[in-house]
Amino acid sequence: MSSTQRISVEINRDLLRSAKRILATATIRETIEKALLEVQRGEARREEVEALSSMEGLDLIDPDVMAKAWRS
């Protein structure tokens, strides 16, 4: 379930126009929501890169797991 909140905020028009173009959005609300989702996705990507870089908590360094992954 999604919740919403009515907020009044001043937004730089040039930044908004640029974001609308980049995100291919039509309304201010759509632009803000899509931009916030992009922030969440960016953080998820950073977390994945960190996990893959450190291999922490991943089975990819377990030889038994990897042996099963490469079956022909």
N, C-alpha and C. Protein backbone atom coordinates (compact mmCIF):
# COMPACT_ATOMS: atom_id res chain seq x y z
N MET A 1 0.84 -1.17 0.00
CA MET A 1 0.00 0.00 0.00
C MET A 1 0.89 1.24 0.00
N SER A 2 0.61 2.15 -0.83
CA SER A 2 1.39 3.37 -0.95
C SER A 2 0.71 4.50 -0.21
N SER A 3 1.50 5.30 0.47
CA SER A 3 0.93 6.46 1.15
C SER A 3 1.44 7.72 0.47
N THR A 4 0.67 8.75 0.54
CA THR A 4 1.06 10.02 -0.06
C THR A 4 0.94 11.12 0.97
N GLN A 5 1.63 12.21 0.71
CA GLN A 5 1.57 13.36 1.58
C GLN A 5 1.60 14.61 0.71
N ARG A 6 0.72 15.52 0.98
CA ARG A 6 0.68 16.78 0.25
C ARG A 6 1.74 17.69 0.85
N ILE A 7 2.64 18.17 -0.02
CA ILE A 7 3.75 19.02 0.42
C ILE A 7 3.86 20.21 -0.51
N SER A 8 4.10 21.36 0.06
CA SER A 8 4.36 22.56 -0.73
C SER A 8 5.85 22.82 -0.67
N VAL A 9 6.47 22.91 -1.84
CA VAL A 9 7.92 23.09 -1.89
C VAL A 9 8.30 23.96 -3.08
N GLU A 10 9.33 24.76 -2.91
CA GLU A 10 9.84 25.55 -4.02
C GLU A 10 10.86 24.71 -4.78
N ILE A 11 10.72 24.67 -6.11
CA ILE A 11 11.60 23.85 -6.94
C ILE A 11 12.18 24.74 -8.04
N ASN A 12 13.46 24.60 -8.27
CA ASN A 12 14.12 25.32 -9.34
C ASN A 12 13.53 24.89 -10.68
N ARG A 13 12.99 25.83 -11.43
CA ARG A 13 12.30 25.50 -12.69
C ARG A 13 13.23 24.88 -13.72
N ASP A 14 14.46 25.36 -13.79
CA ASP A 14 15.41 24.80 -14.76
C ASP A 14 15.74 23.35 -14.43
N LEU A 15 15.94 23.07 -13.14
CA LEU A 15 16.22 21.69 -12.74
C LEU A 15 15.02 20.79 -13.00
N LEU A 16 13.83 21.30 -12.72
CA LEU A 16 12.61 20.53 -12.97
C LEU A 16 12.45 20.25 -14.46
N ARG A 17 12.64 21.25 -15.28
CA ARG A 17 12.52 21.09 -16.73
C ARG A 17 13.53 20.05 -17.24
N SER A 18 14.74 20.14 -16.74
CA SER A 18 15.77 19.19 -17.14
C SER A 18 15.42 17.77 -16.69
N ALA A 19 14.97 17.63 -15.46
CA ALA A 19 14.59 16.31 -14.95
C ALA A 19 13.43 15.73 -15.74
N LYS A 20 12.44 16.56 -16.08
CA LYS A 20 11.30 16.09 -16.88
C LYS A 20 11.76 15.57 -18.23
N ARG A 21 12.70 16.27 -18.83
CA ARG A 21 13.22 15.84 -20.13
C ARG A 21 13.99 14.51 -20.00
N ILE A 22 14.88 14.45 -19.02
CA ILE A 22 15.70 13.25 -18.82
C ILE A 22 14.84 12.04 -18.46
N LEU A 23 13.86 12.24 -17.61
CA LEU A 23 13.02 11.14 -17.14
C LEU A 23 11.82 10.86 -18.04
N ALA A 24 11.63 11.72 -19.04
CA ALA A 24 10.51 11.57 -19.98
C ALA A 24 9.17 11.56 -19.23
N THR A 25 9.00 12.54 -18.36
CA THR A 25 7.77 12.65 -17.58
C THR A 25 7.00 13.89 -18.01
N ALA A 26 5.72 13.91 -17.68
CA ALA A 26 4.86 15.01 -18.12
C ALA A 26 4.46 15.96 -16.99
N THR A 27 4.34 15.43 -15.78
CA THR A 27 3.86 16.27 -14.69
C THR A 27 4.93 16.42 -13.62
N ILE A 28 4.74 17.42 -12.76
CA ILE A 28 5.68 17.63 -11.67
C ILE A 28 5.66 16.42 -10.73
N ARG A 29 4.48 15.96 -10.38
CA ARG A 29 4.37 14.81 -9.48
C ARG A 29 5.06 13.58 -10.06
N GLU A 30 4.80 13.29 -11.32
CA GLU A 30 5.41 12.14 -11.97
C GLU A 30 6.94 12.28 -11.97
N THR A 31 7.42 13.49 -12.23
CA THR A 31 8.85 13.74 -12.26
C THR A 31 9.49 13.50 -10.90
N ILE A 32 8.87 14.03 -9.86
CA ILE A 32 9.42 13.87 -8.51
C ILE A 32 9.39 12.41 -8.10
N GLU A 33 8.28 11.72 -8.35
CA GLU A 33 8.18 10.30 -7.98
C GLU A 33 9.20 9.46 -8.74
N LYS A 34 9.35 9.72 -10.03
CA LYS A 34 10.31 8.95 -10.81
C LYS A 34 11.74 9.25 -10.37
N ALA A 35 12.02 10.50 -10.03
CA ALA A 35 13.35 10.87 -9.55
C ALA A 35 13.65 10.17 -8.22
N LEU A 36 12.67 10.12 -7.33
CA LEU A 36 12.88 9.43 -6.05
C LEU A 36 13.10 7.93 -6.26
N LEU A 37 12.38 7.34 -7.20
CA LEU A 37 12.60 5.93 -7.52
C LEU A 37 14.00 5.70 -8.08
N GLU A 38 14.47 6.63 -8.90
CA GLU A 38 15.82 6.53 -9.45
C GLU A 38 16.87 6.59 -8.34
N VAL A 39 16.63 7.39 -7.32
CA VAL A 39 17.55 7.45 -6.18
C VAL A 39 17.58 6.09 -5.48
N GLN A 40 16.42 5.49 -5.27
CA GLN A 40 16.35 4.17 -4.63
C GLN A 40 17.06 3.12 -5.48
N ARG A 41 16.82 3.14 -6.77
CA ARG A 41 17.47 2.17 -7.67
C ARG A 41 18.98 2.36 -7.69
N GLY A 42 19.41 3.60 -7.68
CA GLY A 42 20.84 3.88 -7.65
C GLY A 42 21.49 3.32 -6.39
N GLU A 43 20.83 3.48 -5.26
CA GLU A 43 21.36 2.94 -4.01
C GLU A 43 21.40 1.41 -4.06
N ALA A 44 20.37 0.79 -4.61
CA ALA A 44 20.36 -0.67 -4.74
C ALA A 44 21.50 -1.14 -5.63
N ARG A 45 21.76 -0.41 -6.72
CA ARG A 45 22.89 -0.77 -7.60
C ARG A 45 24.22 -0.63 -6.86
N ARG A 46 24.39 0.46 -6.10
CA ARG A 46 25.63 0.65 -5.33
C ARG A 46 25.82 -0.49 -4.32
N GLU A 47 24.74 -0.90 -3.67
CA GLU A 47 24.82 -2.00 -2.71
C GLU A 47 25.21 -3.30 -3.40
N GLU A 48 24.65 -3.56 -4.58
CA GLU A 48 24.99 -4.77 -5.33
C GLU A 48 26.46 -4.76 -5.75
N VAL A 49 26.93 -3.63 -6.24
CA VAL A 49 28.34 -3.52 -6.65
C VAL A 49 29.24 -3.77 -5.45
N GLU A 50 28.89 -3.18 -4.32
CA GLU A 50 29.68 -3.38 -3.10
C GLU A 50 29.69 -4.85 -2.70
N ALA A 51 28.53 -5.49 -2.74
CA ALA A 51 28.45 -6.92 -2.38
C ALA A 51 29.28 -7.77 -3.34
N LEU A 52 29.22 -7.47 -4.62
CA LEU A 52 30.00 -8.24 -5.60
C LEU A 52 31.48 -7.95 -5.48
N SER A 53 31.81 -6.73 -5.13
CA SER A 53 33.24 -6.36 -4.98
C SER A 53 33.86 -7.05 -3.77
N SER A 54 33.12 -7.13 -2.70
CA SER A 54 33.65 -7.73 -1.47
C SER A 54 33.35 -9.22 -1.38
N MET A 55 32.36 -9.67 -2.14
CA MET A 55 31.89 -11.05 -2.11
C MET A 55 31.32 -11.42 -0.74
N GLU A 56 31.13 -10.43 0.11
CA GLU A 56 30.61 -10.67 1.45
C GLU A 56 29.16 -11.15 1.40
N GLY A 57 28.91 -12.26 2.05
CA GLY A 57 27.56 -12.79 2.12
C GLY A 57 27.09 -13.49 0.86
N LEU A 58 28.00 -13.69 -0.10
CA LEU A 58 27.62 -14.35 -1.35
C LEU A 58 28.20 -15.76 -1.41
N ASP A 59 27.47 -16.66 -2.03
CA ASP A 59 27.92 -18.04 -2.18
C ASP A 59 28.92 -18.19 -3.32
N LEU A 60 29.21 -17.13 -4.02
CA LEU A 60 30.08 -17.22 -5.19
C LEU A 60 31.52 -17.58 -4.83
N ILE A 61 31.90 -17.44 -3.55
CA ILE A 61 33.25 -17.84 -3.15
C ILE A 61 33.27 -19.25 -2.56
N ASP A 62 32.12 -19.90 -2.50
CA ASP A 62 32.03 -21.26 -1.98
C ASP A 62 32.28 -22.23 -3.14
N PRO A 63 33.38 -22.98 -3.09
CA PRO A 63 33.72 -23.90 -4.19
C PRO A 63 32.63 -24.93 -4.49
N ASP A 64 31.94 -25.42 -3.46
CA ASP A 64 30.88 -26.41 -3.68
C ASP A 64 29.71 -25.80 -4.46
N VAL A 65 29.35 -24.59 -4.12
CA VAL A 65 28.26 -23.90 -4.83
C VAL A 65 28.67 -23.65 -6.27
N MET A 66 29.87 -23.16 -6.47
CA MET A 66 30.32 -22.83 -7.82
C MET A 66 30.50 -24.08 -8.68
N ALA A 67 30.90 -25.18 -8.08
CA ALA A 67 31.04 -26.43 -8.83
C ALA A 67 29.70 -26.86 -9.41
N LYS A 68 28.63 -26.65 -8.67
CA LYS A 68 27.30 -27.00 -9.14
C LYS A 68 26.79 -26.03 -10.21
N ALA A 69 27.28 -24.81 -10.15
CA ALA A 69 26.83 -23.79 -11.09
C ALA A 69 27.38 -24.03 -12.50
N TRP A 70 28.49 -24.74 -12.61
CA TRP A 70 29.14 -24.93 -13.90
C TRP A 70 28.93 -26.31 -14.49
N ARG A 71 27.83 -26.96 -14.14
CA ARG A 71 27.51 -28.25 -14.73
C ARG A 71 27.21 -28.09 -16.22
N SER A 72 27.60 -29.10 -17.00
CA SER A 72 27.31 -29.05 -18.44
C SER A 72 26.01 -29.72 -18.76
